[in-house]
Amino acid sequence: MFKHNLDDTGTAYLSLFASSDAAALYQLIDRNREHLGVWLRIPEMTLTEEDSRGFIERTRLRYAREEGYWLGIWLRGELAGSIGYCDIDYMNRKAEIGYWLGKEYEGNGLITAAVNVFIQHAFEGLSLNKVEIGAAADNWRSRAIPEKLGFQQEGELRDYEFLNGRFHHRVMYGLRREEWTESIK
């Protein structure tokens, strides 16, 4: 099963969701409905533990097919959030990364570390040319991640998503393989 440490101590790691994680996933989302619901549809799509179980089954299937998939972000044995390839476009050699954390886990560097793992895997493991991240224009915490990691802002999509009774613009960021290679030298 896929597991990748995010720190030297092994207290923070990424892991492919197992069916047995459905309760933890549901409880994390349920505790963070208001926090996550500002920017994401996850809370409105997760009304029961069965919804979480269905999500896990779908993401494990997508993982097996080498399509976009989601992993759990764990801290000290507790599920803290999730990160995934929303889509892997092999024809155009690019992938989009999405992520979220429970409010109580923010500020630990988990997303930055997890995105770095996904970037490296995209370029070295999947031989992609580009990684993209999209975030709501007003979601400054989410936008700080690609900006910190050297992504270039490529544009803003107006009225991209209708959520909570209003339209949200989406800012798209991109990082090409050659830019990443230069940054790690």
N, C-alpha and C. Protein backbone atom coordinates (compact mmCIF):
# COMPACT_ATOMS: atom_id res chain seq x y z
N MET A 1 0.84 -1.18 0.00
CA MET A 1 0.00 0.00 0.00
C MET A 1 0.89 1.25 0.00
N PHE A 2 0.45 2.29 -0.66
CA PHE A 2 1.20 3.53 -0.78
C PHE A 2 1.27 4.25 0.56
N LYS A 3 2.49 4.58 1.00
CA LYS A 3 2.71 5.42 2.18
C LYS A 3 4.00 6.18 1.95
N HIS A 4 3.96 7.50 2.25
CA HIS A 4 5.14 8.32 2.07
C HIS A 4 5.28 9.28 3.24
N ASN A 5 6.42 9.24 3.92
CA ASN A 5 6.66 10.13 5.05
C ASN A 5 6.84 11.57 4.58
N LEU A 6 6.29 12.50 5.35
CA LEU A 6 6.43 13.92 5.05
C LEU A 6 7.48 14.58 5.93
N ASP A 7 7.96 13.85 6.94
CA ASP A 7 9.00 14.40 7.82
C ASP A 7 9.95 13.27 8.19
N ASP A 8 11.03 13.63 8.85
CA ASP A 8 12.05 12.64 9.22
C ASP A 8 11.61 11.71 10.35
N THR A 9 10.62 12.13 11.12
CA THR A 9 10.19 11.33 12.27
C THR A 9 9.11 10.32 11.92
N GLY A 10 8.47 10.49 10.77
CA GLY A 10 7.39 9.59 10.38
C GLY A 10 6.06 9.93 11.05
N THR A 11 6.00 11.06 11.74
CA THR A 11 4.74 11.45 12.39
C THR A 11 3.76 12.08 11.40
N ALA A 12 4.26 12.56 10.28
CA ALA A 12 3.41 13.11 9.22
C ALA A 12 3.66 12.30 7.96
N TYR A 13 2.59 11.83 7.35
CA TYR A 13 2.76 11.01 6.16
C TYR A 13 1.52 11.05 5.28
N LEU A 14 1.69 10.62 4.04
CA LEU A 14 0.61 10.44 3.09
C LEU A 14 0.34 8.95 2.97
N SER A 15 -0.92 8.60 2.81
CA SER A 15 -1.26 7.20 2.66
C SER A 15 -2.52 7.07 1.81
N LEU A 16 -2.53 6.05 0.97
CA LEU A 16 -3.73 5.73 0.20
C LEU A 16 -4.84 5.38 1.19
N PHE A 17 -6.01 5.93 0.99
CA PHE A 17 -7.13 5.64 1.87
C PHE A 17 -7.48 4.15 1.81
N ALA A 18 -7.80 3.59 2.97
CA ALA A 18 -8.33 2.23 3.07
C ALA A 18 -9.81 2.35 3.45
N SER A 19 -10.58 1.33 3.17
CA SER A 19 -12.00 1.34 3.53
C SER A 19 -12.19 1.63 5.01
N SER A 20 -11.27 1.16 5.82
CA SER A 20 -11.36 1.36 7.28
C SER A 20 -11.17 2.83 7.68
N ASP A 21 -10.77 3.70 6.75
CA ASP A 21 -10.59 5.13 7.04
C ASP A 21 -11.88 5.93 6.86
N ALA A 22 -12.97 5.28 6.45
CA ALA A 22 -14.20 6.01 6.14
C ALA A 22 -14.72 6.80 7.34
N ALA A 23 -14.69 6.21 8.52
CA ALA A 23 -15.19 6.91 9.72
C ALA A 23 -14.33 8.13 10.02
N ALA A 24 -13.01 7.98 9.96
CA ALA A 24 -12.11 9.11 10.24
C ALA A 24 -12.30 10.22 9.22
N LEU A 25 -12.47 9.86 7.95
CA LEU A 25 -12.67 10.86 6.90
C LEU A 25 -13.98 11.60 7.12
N TYR A 26 -15.04 10.85 7.39
CA TYR A 26 -16.33 11.48 7.63
C TYR A 26 -16.27 12.42 8.84
N GLN A 27 -15.68 11.96 9.92
CA GLN A 27 -15.61 12.77 11.15
C GLN A 27 -14.79 14.04 10.94
N LEU A 28 -13.70 13.95 10.20
CA LEU A 28 -12.88 15.14 9.91
C LEU A 28 -13.68 16.16 9.11
N ILE A 29 -14.36 15.69 8.08
CA ILE A 29 -15.17 16.59 7.26
C ILE A 29 -16.33 17.15 8.09
N ASP A 30 -16.97 16.31 8.87
CA ASP A 30 -18.11 16.75 9.67
C ASP A 30 -17.70 17.84 10.68
N ARG A 31 -16.54 17.67 11.33
CA ARG A 31 -16.04 18.68 12.27
C ARG A 31 -15.69 19.99 11.59
N ASN A 32 -15.38 19.92 10.30
CA ASN A 32 -14.88 21.08 9.56
C ASN A 32 -15.83 21.55 8.47
N ARG A 33 -17.12 21.24 8.60
CA ARG A 33 -18.08 21.62 7.57
C ARG A 33 -18.03 23.10 7.24
N GLU A 34 -18.09 23.92 8.24
CA GLU A 34 -18.10 25.37 8.00
C GLU A 34 -16.76 25.83 7.42
N HIS A 35 -15.68 25.35 7.98
CA HIS A 35 -14.33 25.73 7.54
C HIS A 35 -14.10 25.33 6.07
N LEU A 36 -14.40 24.09 5.73
CA LEU A 36 -14.16 23.60 4.37
C LEU A 36 -15.20 24.12 3.39
N GLY A 37 -16.43 24.27 3.86
CA GLY A 37 -17.53 24.66 3.00
C GLY A 37 -17.42 26.05 2.41
N VAL A 38 -16.56 26.88 2.96
CA VAL A 38 -16.36 28.21 2.40
C VAL A 38 -15.79 28.10 0.99
N TRP A 39 -14.90 27.13 0.76
CA TRP A 39 -14.18 27.03 -0.50
C TRP A 39 -14.46 25.76 -1.30
N LEU A 40 -15.02 24.74 -0.66
CA LEU A 40 -15.14 23.43 -1.31
C LEU A 40 -16.55 22.85 -1.17
N ARG A 41 -16.90 21.94 -2.09
CA ARG A 41 -18.18 21.25 -2.04
C ARG A 41 -18.13 19.97 -1.20
N ILE A 42 -16.96 19.62 -0.71
CA ILE A 42 -16.80 18.36 0.02
C ILE A 42 -17.84 18.18 1.12
N PRO A 43 -18.09 19.19 1.95
CA PRO A 43 -19.07 18.98 3.03
C PRO A 43 -20.48 18.67 2.52
N GLU A 44 -20.89 19.31 1.45
CA GLU A 44 -22.25 19.06 0.95
C GLU A 44 -22.35 17.71 0.23
N MET A 45 -21.21 17.14 -0.15
CA MET A 45 -21.19 15.84 -0.81
C MET A 45 -20.96 14.70 0.19
N THR A 46 -20.65 15.06 1.45
CA THR A 46 -20.33 14.07 2.47
C THR A 46 -21.31 14.21 3.63
N LEU A 47 -22.43 13.53 3.51
CA LEU A 47 -23.48 13.65 4.52
C LEU A 47 -23.51 12.47 5.48
N THR A 48 -22.86 11.38 5.07
CA THR A 48 -22.83 10.17 5.91
C THR A 48 -21.46 9.50 5.79
N GLU A 49 -21.22 8.57 6.68
CA GLU A 49 -19.99 7.79 6.60
C GLU A 49 -19.96 6.97 5.31
N GLU A 50 -21.13 6.56 4.83
CA GLU A 50 -21.21 5.82 3.57
C GLU A 50 -20.72 6.67 2.39
N ASP A 51 -20.98 7.98 2.44
CA ASP A 51 -20.47 8.87 1.39
C ASP A 51 -18.95 8.84 1.39
N SER A 52 -18.34 8.83 2.57
CA SER A 52 -16.88 8.75 2.66
C SER A 52 -16.37 7.41 2.15
N ARG A 53 -17.08 6.35 2.48
CA ARG A 53 -16.69 5.02 2.01
C ARG A 53 -16.75 4.95 0.48
N GLY A 54 -17.79 5.52 -0.11
CA GLY A 54 -17.91 5.55 -1.56
C GLY A 54 -16.79 6.34 -2.21
N PHE A 55 -16.45 7.48 -1.61
CA PHE A 55 -15.33 8.28 -2.11
C PHE A 55 -14.05 7.46 -2.07
N ILE A 56 -13.80 6.77 -0.97
CA ILE A 56 -12.58 5.96 -0.83
C ILE A 56 -12.55 4.86 -1.89
N GLU A 57 -13.65 4.19 -2.11
CA GLU A 57 -13.69 3.14 -3.13
C GLU A 57 -13.39 3.70 -4.51
N ARG A 58 -13.97 4.88 -4.82
CA ARG A 58 -13.73 5.49 -6.13
C ARG A 58 -12.27 5.91 -6.28
N THR A 59 -11.69 6.49 -5.23
CA THR A 59 -10.31 6.95 -5.35
C THR A 59 -9.33 5.78 -5.42
N ARG A 60 -9.63 4.67 -4.74
CA ARG A 60 -8.76 3.48 -4.84
C ARG A 60 -8.83 2.89 -6.25
N LEU A 61 -10.00 2.91 -6.85
CA LEU A 61 -10.15 2.43 -8.23
C LEU A 61 -9.37 3.33 -9.19
N ARG A 62 -9.48 4.65 -8.99
CA ARG A 62 -8.74 5.59 -9.84
C ARG A 62 -7.23 5.42 -9.65
N TYR A 63 -6.80 5.14 -8.43
CA TYR A 63 -5.38 4.89 -8.15
C TYR A 63 -4.91 3.65 -8.91
N ALA A 64 -5.70 2.59 -8.87
CA ALA A 64 -5.35 1.35 -9.57
C ALA A 64 -5.28 1.56 -11.08
N ARG A 65 -6.10 2.46 -11.60
CA ARG A 65 -6.12 2.75 -13.04
C ARG A 65 -5.10 3.83 -13.43
N GLU A 66 -4.36 4.34 -12.44
CA GLU A 66 -3.39 5.41 -12.66
C GLU A 66 -4.03 6.67 -13.21
N GLU A 67 -5.23 6.96 -12.69
CA GLU A 67 -5.94 8.20 -13.00
C GLU A 67 -5.75 9.13 -11.81
N GLY A 68 -6.41 10.25 -11.81
CA GLY A 68 -6.35 11.12 -10.65
C GLY A 68 -6.87 10.40 -9.41
N TYR A 69 -6.30 10.68 -8.25
CA TYR A 69 -6.69 10.02 -7.02
C TYR A 69 -6.35 10.91 -5.83
N TRP A 70 -6.84 10.53 -4.65
CA TRP A 70 -6.62 11.30 -3.42
C TRP A 70 -6.00 10.40 -2.36
N LEU A 71 -5.11 11.00 -1.58
CA LEU A 71 -4.47 10.32 -0.45
C LEU A 71 -4.83 11.05 0.83
N GLY A 72 -4.77 10.32 1.93
CA GLY A 72 -4.95 10.95 3.23
C GLY A 72 -3.65 11.59 3.68
N ILE A 73 -3.77 12.72 4.36
CA ILE A 73 -2.64 13.38 5.01
C ILE A 73 -2.80 13.08 6.51
N TRP A 74 -1.81 12.45 7.09
CA TRP A 74 -1.89 12.00 8.48
C TRP A 74 -0.86 12.72 9.33
N LEU A 75 -1.23 13.05 10.55
CA LEU A 75 -0.32 13.67 11.52
C LEU A 75 -0.51 12.95 12.85
N ARG A 76 0.56 12.36 13.34
CA ARG A 76 0.52 11.62 14.62
C ARG A 76 -0.64 10.61 14.67
N GLY A 77 -0.83 9.91 13.56
CA GLY A 77 -1.85 8.87 13.50
C GLY A 77 -3.28 9.35 13.30
N GLU A 78 -3.47 10.66 13.16
CA GLU A 78 -4.81 11.21 12.94
C GLU A 78 -4.92 11.73 11.51
N LEU A 79 -6.07 11.50 10.90
CA LEU A 79 -6.31 12.03 9.57
C LEU A 79 -6.45 13.54 9.67
N ALA A 80 -5.63 14.27 8.92
CA ALA A 80 -5.60 15.73 8.98
C ALA A 80 -6.23 16.38 7.75
N GLY A 81 -6.23 15.67 6.63
CA GLY A 81 -6.75 16.24 5.39
C GLY A 81 -6.50 15.31 4.23
N SER A 82 -6.50 15.88 3.04
CA SER A 82 -6.34 15.06 1.85
C SER A 82 -5.68 15.87 0.74
N ILE A 83 -4.96 15.17 -0.11
CA ILE A 83 -4.33 15.78 -1.28
C ILE A 83 -4.50 14.80 -2.43
N GLY A 84 -4.62 15.34 -3.62
CA GLY A 84 -4.77 14.44 -4.74
C GLY A 84 -4.48 15.09 -6.07
N TYR A 85 -4.37 14.22 -7.06
CA TYR A 85 -4.37 14.67 -8.44
C TYR A 85 -5.83 14.70 -8.86
N CYS A 86 -6.37 15.89 -9.01
CA CYS A 86 -7.77 16.01 -9.45
C CYS A 86 -7.94 15.35 -10.80
N ASP A 87 -6.91 15.48 -11.60
CA ASP A 87 -6.93 14.93 -12.95
C ASP A 87 -5.49 14.73 -13.39
N ILE A 88 -5.23 13.62 -14.06
CA ILE A 88 -3.94 13.41 -14.71
C ILE A 88 -4.23 13.31 -16.20
N ASP A 89 -3.68 14.24 -16.95
CA ASP A 89 -3.87 14.31 -18.40
C ASP A 89 -2.58 13.82 -19.06
N TYR A 90 -2.53 12.51 -19.33
CA TYR A 90 -1.31 11.92 -19.91
C TYR A 90 -1.06 12.42 -21.32
N MET A 91 -2.10 12.68 -22.08
CA MET A 91 -1.93 13.14 -23.45
C MET A 91 -1.18 14.48 -23.48
N ASN A 92 -1.55 15.37 -22.58
CA ASN A 92 -0.91 16.69 -22.53
C ASN A 92 0.16 16.78 -21.46
N ARG A 93 0.44 15.64 -20.82
CA ARG A 93 1.52 15.49 -19.83
C ARG A 93 1.44 16.52 -18.71
N LYS A 94 0.24 16.59 -18.08
CA LYS A 94 0.07 17.51 -16.96
C LYS A 94 -0.93 16.94 -15.97
N ALA A 95 -0.90 17.49 -14.76
CA ALA A 95 -1.83 17.09 -13.70
C ALA A 95 -2.16 18.30 -12.85
N GLU A 96 -3.37 18.26 -12.28
CA GLU A 96 -3.77 19.32 -11.35
C GLU A 96 -3.82 18.73 -9.94
N ILE A 97 -3.22 19.45 -9.00
CA ILE A 97 -3.21 19.03 -7.60
C ILE A 97 -4.27 19.82 -6.83
N GLY A 98 -5.00 19.11 -5.99
CA GLY A 98 -5.94 19.74 -5.07
C GLY A 98 -5.62 19.29 -3.65
N TYR A 99 -6.04 20.07 -2.66
CA TYR A 99 -5.73 19.73 -1.28
C TYR A 99 -6.67 20.44 -0.32
N TRP A 100 -6.78 19.87 0.88
CA TRP A 100 -7.53 20.51 1.96
C TRP A 100 -7.08 19.93 3.30
N LEU A 101 -7.23 20.73 4.34
CA LEU A 101 -6.88 20.31 5.70
C LEU A 101 -7.99 20.69 6.66
N GLY A 102 -8.13 19.91 7.71
CA GLY A 102 -8.99 20.32 8.80
C GLY A 102 -8.36 21.54 9.47
N LYS A 103 -9.18 22.45 9.94
CA LYS A 103 -8.69 23.70 10.53
C LYS A 103 -7.68 23.46 11.65
N GLU A 104 -7.93 22.44 12.47
CA GLU A 104 -7.06 22.17 13.61
C GLU A 104 -5.66 21.70 13.22
N TYR A 105 -5.44 21.40 11.94
CA TYR A 105 -4.13 20.91 11.49
C TYR A 105 -3.36 21.94 10.66
N GLU A 106 -3.95 23.09 10.42
CA GLU A 106 -3.27 24.12 9.64
C GLU A 106 -2.05 24.65 10.40
N GLY A 107 -1.10 25.15 9.64
CA GLY A 107 0.09 25.77 10.24
C GLY A 107 1.21 24.81 10.59
N ASN A 108 1.10 23.54 10.17
CA ASN A 108 2.14 22.55 10.45
C ASN A 108 3.02 22.24 9.24
N GLY A 109 2.79 22.93 8.12
CA GLY A 109 3.58 22.68 6.91
C GLY A 109 3.18 21.42 6.18
N LEU A 110 2.05 20.84 6.54
CA LEU A 110 1.63 19.56 5.93
C LEU A 110 1.34 19.70 4.44
N ILE A 111 0.62 20.74 4.06
CA ILE A 111 0.26 20.89 2.65
C ILE A 111 1.50 21.17 1.81
N THR A 112 2.36 22.04 2.27
CA THR A 112 3.59 22.33 1.51
C THR A 112 4.39 21.06 1.29
N ALA A 113 4.57 20.27 2.33
CA ALA A 113 5.34 19.02 2.21
C ALA A 113 4.64 18.04 1.27
N ALA A 114 3.32 17.93 1.40
CA ALA A 114 2.56 17.00 0.56
C ALA A 114 2.59 17.42 -0.91
N VAL A 115 2.43 18.71 -1.17
CA VAL A 115 2.49 19.19 -2.56
C VAL A 115 3.86 18.91 -3.15
N ASN A 116 4.91 19.09 -2.37
CA ASN A 116 6.26 18.78 -2.87
C ASN A 116 6.38 17.32 -3.28
N VAL A 117 5.79 16.41 -2.51
CA VAL A 117 5.80 14.98 -2.86
C VAL A 117 5.07 14.76 -4.18
N PHE A 118 3.92 15.40 -4.34
CA PHE A 118 3.13 15.24 -5.56
C PHE A 118 3.84 15.85 -6.78
N ILE A 119 4.52 16.96 -6.58
CA ILE A 119 5.28 17.56 -7.69
C ILE A 119 6.38 16.60 -8.13
N GLN A 120 7.16 16.11 -7.18
CA GLN A 120 8.25 15.20 -7.52
C GLN A 120 7.72 13.95 -8.21
N HIS A 121 6.63 13.40 -7.71
CA HIS A 121 6.06 12.21 -8.34
C HIS A 121 5.56 12.51 -9.75
N ALA A 122 4.95 13.68 -9.94
CA ALA A 122 4.45 14.04 -11.27
C ALA A 122 5.59 14.09 -12.28
N PHE A 123 6.69 14.71 -11.90
CA PHE A 123 7.80 14.89 -12.84
C PHE A 123 8.68 13.65 -12.96
N GLU A 124 8.99 13.01 -11.85
CA GLU A 124 9.91 11.87 -11.90
C GLU A 124 9.19 10.54 -12.07
N GLY A 125 8.06 10.36 -11.42
CA GLY A 125 7.35 9.09 -11.48
C GLY A 125 6.41 8.95 -12.66
N LEU A 126 5.74 10.05 -13.00
CA LEU A 126 4.76 10.01 -14.09
C LEU A 126 5.27 10.63 -15.38
N SER A 127 6.46 11.21 -15.36
CA SER A 127 7.08 11.85 -16.52
C SER A 127 6.20 12.93 -17.14
N LEU A 128 5.53 13.70 -16.29
CA LEU A 128 4.70 14.79 -16.77
C LEU A 128 5.56 16.03 -17.02
N ASN A 129 5.01 16.97 -17.73
CA ASN A 129 5.72 18.21 -18.05
C ASN A 129 5.25 19.39 -17.20
N LYS A 130 4.02 19.29 -16.65
CA LYS A 130 3.47 20.44 -15.96
C LYS A 130 2.55 20.00 -14.82
N VAL A 131 2.60 20.77 -13.74
CA VAL A 131 1.69 20.58 -12.61
C VAL A 131 0.93 21.89 -12.43
N GLU A 132 -0.38 21.77 -12.20
CA GLU A 132 -1.22 22.95 -12.01
C GLU A 132 -1.89 22.89 -10.64
N ILE A 133 -2.16 24.06 -10.10
CA ILE A 133 -2.94 24.20 -8.87
C ILE A 133 -3.91 25.35 -9.09
N GLY A 134 -5.17 25.12 -8.78
CA GLY A 134 -6.17 26.18 -8.85
C GLY A 134 -6.70 26.47 -7.46
N ALA A 135 -6.96 27.73 -7.18
CA ALA A 135 -7.50 28.12 -5.88
C ALA A 135 -8.44 29.29 -6.06
N ALA A 136 -9.44 29.37 -5.20
CA ALA A 136 -10.34 30.52 -5.23
C ALA A 136 -9.53 31.79 -5.04
N ALA A 137 -9.86 32.82 -5.79
CA ALA A 137 -9.09 34.07 -5.76
C ALA A 137 -8.99 34.65 -4.35
N ASP A 138 -10.01 34.48 -3.54
CA ASP A 138 -10.01 35.03 -2.18
C ASP A 138 -9.42 34.09 -1.14
N ASN A 139 -9.03 32.88 -1.54
CA ASN A 139 -8.49 31.91 -0.60
C ASN A 139 -6.97 32.08 -0.51
N TRP A 140 -6.56 33.07 0.27
CA TRP A 140 -5.14 33.44 0.33
C TRP A 140 -4.28 32.34 0.92
N ARG A 141 -4.79 31.57 1.86
CA ARG A 141 -4.00 30.48 2.46
C ARG A 141 -3.68 29.43 1.41
N SER A 142 -4.67 29.08 0.60
CA SER A 142 -4.46 28.08 -0.43
C SER A 142 -3.54 28.60 -1.53
N ARG A 143 -3.71 29.85 -1.89
CA ARG A 143 -2.87 30.45 -2.94
C ARG A 143 -1.42 30.59 -2.51
N ALA A 144 -1.17 30.70 -1.21
CA ALA A 144 0.20 30.87 -0.71
C ALA A 144 1.06 29.64 -1.02
N ILE A 145 0.45 28.47 -1.11
CA ILE A 145 1.22 27.24 -1.34
C ILE A 145 1.91 27.26 -2.71
N PRO A 146 1.18 27.39 -3.82
CA PRO A 146 1.89 27.41 -5.11
C PRO A 146 2.83 28.60 -5.23
N GLU A 147 2.47 29.72 -4.65
CA GLU A 147 3.36 30.89 -4.73
C GLU A 147 4.67 30.63 -4.00
N LYS A 148 4.60 29.96 -2.84
CA LYS A 148 5.81 29.63 -2.08
C LYS A 148 6.67 28.61 -2.81
N LEU A 149 6.03 27.74 -3.59
CA LEU A 149 6.75 26.64 -4.25
C LEU A 149 7.21 26.97 -5.66
N GLY A 150 7.11 28.23 -6.06
CA GLY A 150 7.66 28.64 -7.35
C GLY A 150 6.74 28.50 -8.54
N PHE A 151 5.48 28.23 -8.32
CA PHE A 151 4.53 28.18 -9.43
C PHE A 151 4.33 29.59 -9.98
N GLN A 152 4.00 29.66 -11.25
CA GLN A 152 3.69 30.93 -11.88
C GLN A 152 2.17 31.10 -11.95
N GLN A 153 1.70 32.29 -11.63
CA GLN A 153 0.27 32.55 -11.80
C GLN A 153 0.01 32.69 -13.29
N GLU A 154 -0.91 31.89 -13.81
CA GLU A 154 -1.14 31.85 -15.24
C GLU A 154 -2.43 32.53 -15.68
N GLY A 155 -3.29 32.81 -14.73
CA GLY A 155 -4.52 33.50 -15.10
C GLY A 155 -5.59 33.35 -14.05
N GLU A 156 -6.66 34.09 -14.26
CA GLU A 156 -7.79 34.04 -13.36
C GLU A 156 -9.05 33.74 -14.18
N LEU A 157 -9.77 32.72 -13.77
CA LEU A 157 -11.01 32.34 -14.43
C LEU A 157 -12.15 32.98 -13.65
N ARG A 158 -12.85 33.88 -14.29
CA ARG A 158 -13.93 34.61 -13.62
C ARG A 158 -15.16 33.74 -13.45
N ASP A 159 -15.85 33.92 -12.33
CA ASP A 159 -17.08 33.17 -12.04
C ASP A 159 -16.92 31.68 -12.30
N TYR A 160 -15.83 31.13 -11.84
CA TYR A 160 -15.49 29.73 -12.10
C TYR A 160 -16.43 28.76 -11.39
N GLU A 161 -16.81 29.12 -10.15
CA GLU A 161 -17.60 28.20 -9.35
C GLU A 161 -18.64 28.97 -8.54
N PHE A 162 -19.87 28.43 -8.51
CA PHE A 162 -20.94 29.02 -7.72
C PHE A 162 -21.07 28.22 -6.44
N LEU A 163 -20.74 28.85 -5.33
CA LEU A 163 -20.70 28.16 -4.05
C LEU A 163 -21.17 29.11 -2.96
N ASN A 164 -22.04 28.64 -2.11
CA ASN A 164 -22.56 29.44 -1.00
C ASN A 164 -23.24 30.72 -1.47
N GLY A 165 -23.96 30.60 -2.56
CA GLY A 165 -24.74 31.73 -3.04
C GLY A 165 -23.98 32.81 -3.77
N ARG A 166 -22.72 32.54 -4.11
CA ARG A 166 -21.96 33.53 -4.87
C ARG A 166 -20.95 32.85 -5.78
N PHE A 167 -20.55 33.60 -6.80
CA PHE A 167 -19.53 33.11 -7.72
C PHE A 167 -18.14 33.38 -7.15
N HIS A 168 -17.25 32.42 -7.36
CA HIS A 168 -15.86 32.56 -6.96
C HIS A 168 -15.00 32.53 -8.21
N HIS A 169 -14.08 33.47 -8.30
CA HIS A 169 -13.08 33.42 -9.36
C HIS A 169 -12.04 32.38 -8.95
N ARG A 170 -11.36 31.81 -9.93
CA ARG A 170 -10.33 30.80 -9.66
C ARG A 170 -9.02 31.27 -10.27
N VAL A 171 -7.97 31.26 -9.47
CA VAL A 171 -6.63 31.62 -9.94
C VAL A 171 -5.90 30.32 -10.25
N MET A 172 -5.32 30.25 -11.44
CA MET A 172 -4.59 29.05 -11.86
C MET A 172 -3.09 29.32 -11.82
N TYR A 173 -2.39 28.33 -11.27
CA TYR A 173 -0.94 28.38 -11.17
C TYR A 173 -0.37 27.19 -11.93
N GLY A 174 0.81 27.36 -12.49
CA GLY A 174 1.47 26.26 -13.19
C GLY A 174 2.95 26.21 -12.87
N LEU A 175 3.48 25.01 -12.87
CA LEU A 175 4.91 24.77 -12.69
C LEU A 175 5.32 23.75 -13.75
N ARG A 176 6.26 24.14 -14.60
CA ARG A 176 6.75 23.23 -15.63
C ARG A 176 7.96 22.47 -15.12
N ARG A 177 8.18 21.31 -15.69
CA ARG A 177 9.28 20.45 -15.27
C ARG A 177 10.61 21.20 -15.27
N GLU A 178 10.89 21.94 -16.34
CA GLU A 178 12.19 22.64 -16.42
C GLU A 178 12.34 23.69 -15.32
N GLU A 179 11.24 24.33 -14.92
CA GLU A 179 11.29 25.31 -13.83
C GLU A 179 11.58 24.61 -12.50
N TRP A 180 10.94 23.47 -12.30
CA TRP A 180 11.16 22.70 -11.07
C TRP A 180 12.60 22.19 -11.02
N THR A 181 13.10 21.66 -12.14
CA THR A 181 14.46 21.13 -12.20
C THR A 181 15.47 22.23 -11.87
N GLU A 182 15.25 23.42 -12.40
CA GLU A 182 16.14 24.54 -12.11
C GLU A 182 16.09 24.94 -10.65
N SER A 183 14.91 24.85 -10.04
CA SER A 183 14.75 25.28 -8.66
C SER A 183 15.39 24.34 -7.65
N ILE A 184 15.59 23.07 -8.03
CA ILE A 184 16.18 22.10 -7.07
C ILE A 184 17.68 21.95 -7.25
N LYS A 185 18.25 22.63 -8.23
CA LYS A 185 19.71 22.54 -8.43
C LYS A 185 20.45 23.27 -7.35
